[in-house]
C-alpha atoms as a PDB file:
ATOM      1  CA  MET A   1     -23.952-110.867  24.369  1.00  0.00           C
ATOM      2  CA  ASN A   2     -22.721-107.954  22.584  1.00  0.00           C
ATOM      3  CA  LYS A   3     -19.313-108.279  24.998  1.00  0.00           C
ATOM      4  CA  SER A   4     -19.018-112.919  23.537  1.00  0.00           C
ATOM      5  CA  ILE A   5     -19.196-111.524  19.884  1.00  0.00           C
ATOM      6  CA  ILE A   6     -16.930-109.520  19.486  1.00  0.00           C
ATOM      7  CA  ALA A   7     -14.828-111.716  22.044  1.00  0.00           C
ATOM      8  CA  ILE A   8     -15.326-114.107  19.522  1.00  0.00           C
ATOM      9  CA  LEU A   9     -14.714-112.537  16.452  1.00  0.00           C
ATOM     10  CA  VAL A  10     -11.198-111.833  18.347  1.00  0.00           C
ATOM     11  CA  SER A  11     -10.495-115.473  18.804  1.00  0.00           C
ATOM     12  CA  LEU A  12     -11.375-115.730  15.817  1.00  0.00           C
ATOM     13  CA  VAL A  13      -8.617-113.593  13.846  1.00  0.00           C
ATOM     14  CA  LEU A  14      -5.644-115.324  16.998  1.00  0.00           C
ATOM     15  CA  ILE A  15      -5.728-118.602  16.580  1.00  0.00           C
ATOM     16  CA  SER A  16      -5.883-117.881  12.250  1.00  0.00           C
ATOM     17  CA  CYS A  17      -3.045-115.357  12.510  1.00  0.00           C
ATOM     18  CA  GLY A  18      -1.349-118.377  14.861  1.00  0.00           C
ATOM     19  CA  ASP A  19       0.979-119.778  11.750  1.00  0.00           C
ATOM     20  CA  ARG A  20       2.288-115.989  10.735  1.00  0.00           C
ATOM     21  CA  PHE A  21       3.986-116.038  14.352  1.00  0.00           C
ATOM     22  CA  TYR A  22       7.933-114.919  13.943  1.00  0.00           C
ATOM     23  CA  ARG A  23      10.241-118.014  14.721  1.00  0.00           C
ATOM     24  CA  VAL A  24      13.263-118.030  15.717  1.00  0.00           C
ATOM     25  CA  VAL A  25      16.471-119.702  14.232  1.00  0.00           C
ATOM     26  CA  VAL A  26      17.640-121.893  16.528  1.00  0.00           C
ATOM     27  CA  PRO A  27      20.742-123.189  15.838  1.00  0.00           C
ATOM     28  CA  GLN A  28      22.285-126.203  18.134  1.00  0.00           C
ATOM     29  CA  GLY A  29      24.936-128.623  18.570  1.00  0.00           C
ATOM     30  CA  ASN A  30      29.344-127.751  17.523  1.00  0.00           C
ATOM     31  CA  LEU A  31      30.141-125.227  15.315  1.00  0.00           C
ATOM     32  CA  VAL A  32      33.142-126.821  13.407  1.00  0.00           C
ATOM     33  CA  THR A  33      34.694-123.657  10.600  1.00  0.00           C
ATOM     34  CA  ASP A  34      36.669-124.825   8.061  1.00  0.00           C
ATOM     35  CA  GLU A  35      39.716-122.870   9.430  1.00  0.00           C
ATOM     36  CA  MET A  36      39.283-125.059  11.928  1.00  0.00           C
ATOM     37  CA  ILE A  37      39.626-127.679  10.246  1.00  0.00           C
ATOM     38  CA  GLN A  38      42.994-126.194   8.337  1.00  0.00           C
ATOM     39  CA  GLN A  39      44.501-126.043  11.517  1.00  0.00           C
ATOM     40  CA  LEU A  40      44.067-130.550  12.384  1.00  0.00           C
ATOM     41  CA  GLU A  41      47.083-132.063  11.496  1.00  0.00           C
ATOM     42  CA  VAL A  42      47.745-136.549  12.605  1.00  0.00           C
ATOM     43  CA  GLY A  43      49.137-136.778  15.011  1.00  0.00           C
ATOM     44  CA  MET A  44      47.836-134.182  16.762  1.00  0.00           C
ATOM     45  CA  THR A  45      47.225-134.491  20.549  1.00  0.00           C
ATOM     46  CA  GLU A  46      43.550-134.944  22.328  1.00  0.00           C
ATOM     47  CA  ALA A  47      44.540-131.997  24.784  1.00  0.00           C
ATOM     48  CA  GLN A  48      45.828-129.826  20.885  1.00  0.00           C
ATOM     49  CA  VAL A  49      42.530-130.757  19.482  1.00  0.00           C
ATOM     50  CA  ASN A  50      39.996-130.058  22.430  1.00  0.00           C
ATOM     51  CA  PHE A  51      41.641-126.646  22.169  1.00  0.00           C
ATOM     52  CA  ILE A  52      41.195-125.698  18.097  1.00  0.00           C
ATOM     53  CA  MET A  53      37.786-127.884  18.371  1.00  0.00           C
ATOM     54  CA  GLY A  54      36.323-127.599  21.350  1.00  0.00           C
ATOM     55  CA  THR A  55      34.700-129.969  23.443  1.00  0.00           C
ATOM     56  CA  PRO A  56      33.386-132.828  21.433  1.00  0.00           C
ATOM     57  CA  LEU A  57      29.226-133.348  22.062  1.00  0.00           C
ATOM     58  CA  ILE A  58      29.630-136.455  21.497  1.00  0.00           C
ATOM     59  CA  ARG A  59      32.225-138.423  23.537  1.00  0.00           C
ATOM     60  CA  ASP A  60      30.827-142.258  23.663  1.00  0.00           C
ATOM     61  CA  PRO A  61      32.522-143.779  27.104  1.00  0.00           C
ATOM     62  CA  LEU A  62      32.944-147.002  25.474  1.00  0.00           C
ATOM     63  CA  GLU A  63      34.855-146.005  22.693  1.00  0.00           C
ATOM     64  CA  ARG A  64      36.967-142.681  24.342  1.00  0.00           C
ATOM     65  CA  ASP A  65      39.282-142.773  20.154  1.00  0.00           C
ATOM     66  CA  ARG A  66      36.358-140.989  18.471  1.00  0.00           C
ATOM     67  CA  TRP A  67      34.579-137.690  19.591  1.00  0.00           C
ATOM     68  CA  GLU A  68      31.890-136.466  17.831  1.00  0.00           C
ATOM     69  CA  TYR A  69      30.699-132.509  17.077  1.00  0.00           C
ATOM     70  CA  TYR A  70      27.227-132.308  15.163  1.00  0.00           C
ATOM     71  CA  ARG A  71      25.484-129.609  14.472  1.00  0.00           C
ATOM     72  CA  GLN A  72      21.948-129.329  13.487  1.00  0.00           C
ATOM     73  CA  ILE A  73      20.180-125.413  12.368  1.00  0.00           C
ATOM     74  CA  ILE A  74      16.479-125.215  12.822  1.00  0.00           C
ATOM     75  CA  HIS A  75      13.762-123.243  11.721  1.00  0.00           C
ATOM     76  CA  GLY A  76      10.164-123.729  13.898  1.00  0.00           C
ATOM     77  CA  GLU A  77       9.432-127.196  12.509  1.00  0.00           C
ATOM     78  CA  LYS A  78      12.079-127.310   9.924  1.00  0.00           C
ATOM     79  CA  LEU A  79      15.921-128.620   9.504  1.00  0.00           C
ATOM     80  CA  LEU A  80      17.370-126.624   7.146  1.00  0.00           C
ATOM     81  CA  GLY A  81      20.874-127.577   7.933  1.00  0.00           C
ATOM     82  CA  LYS A  82      22.837-130.437   9.761  1.00  0.00           C
ATOM     83  CA  THR A  83      26.622-131.622   9.889  1.00  0.00           C
ATOM     84  CA  SER A  84      28.488-134.341  11.985  1.00  0.00           C
ATOM     85  CA  PHE A  85      32.094-134.403  12.155  1.00  0.00           C
ATOM     86  CA  THR A  86      34.255-137.422  13.331  1.00  0.00           C
ATOM     87  CA  LEU A  87      37.258-137.167  14.829  1.00  0.00           C
ATOM     88  CA  LYS A  88      39.462-140.687  15.806  1.00  0.00           C
ATOM     89  CA  PHE A  89      42.299-140.721  17.809  1.00  0.00           C
ATOM     90  CA  GLU A  90      44.555-144.077  18.378  1.00  0.00           C
ATOM     91  CA  SER A  91      46.517-143.755  21.702  1.00  0.00           C
ATOM     92  CA  GLY A  92      45.963-140.610  22.483  1.00  0.00           C
ATOM     93  CA  ARG A  93      46.291-138.510  18.878  1.00  0.00           C
ATOM     94  CA  LEU A  94      44.689-138.305  16.227  1.00  0.00           C
ATOM     95  CA  MET A  95      44.721-140.580  13.743  1.00  0.00           C
ATOM     96  CA  SER A  96      41.592-139.248  10.776  1.00  0.00           C
ATOM     97  CA  TRP A  97      38.707-137.137  11.187  1.00  0.00           C
ATOM     98  CA  THR A  98      35.611-137.949   8.729  1.00  0.00           C
ATOM     99  CA  ASN A  99      32.961-134.242   7.840  1.00  0.00           C
ATOM    100  CA  ASN A 100      29.563-135.077   7.359  1.00  0.00           C
ATOM    101  CA  LEU A 101      27.206-132.589   5.759  1.00  0.00           C
ATOM    102  CA  GLU A 102      23.826-132.024   4.668  1.00  0.00           C
ATOM    103  CA  GLU A 103      23.452-129.202   2.127  1.00  0.00           C
ATOM    104  CA  SER A 104      20.888-127.158   3.919  1.00  0.00           C
ATOM    105  CA  LYS A 105      17.412-127.699   2.285  1.00  0.00           C
ATOM    106  CA  ASN A 106      16.467-123.797   2.283  1.00  0.00           C
ATOM    107  CA  LYS A 107      19.527-122.178   2.038  1.00  0.00           C
ATOM    108  CA  ASP A 108      18.236-118.766   1.660  1.00  0.00           C
ATOM    109  CA  GLN A 109      16.301-119.040   4.513  1.00  0.00           C
ATOM    110  CA  SER A 110      18.832-119.626   6.912  1.00  0.00           C
ATOM    111  CA  ASN A 111      19.805-115.783   6.655  1.00  0.00           C
END
């Protein structure tokens, strides 16, 4: 009887601390830095862009002239921030790029 009461109390303590466990910050996707973007030039070949930027996360087989670099940072169940970077090619040459950045909601928690 005594052991079952202790087991119940230990279980209740563990359950009450369930939200206090350490949660890892998980970065997913491609890292696109300002230095990488500054190296891009209109007219670069796909090989040159691939050398600078790395392999794109999304390379649609139906739309081969568009490369997508996507990154998100998650802490537990919270989305801290995400970026989307799109490159557009024409005849194998870089024509344009766009950077869609969603600001981090909790910058102080991303450290």
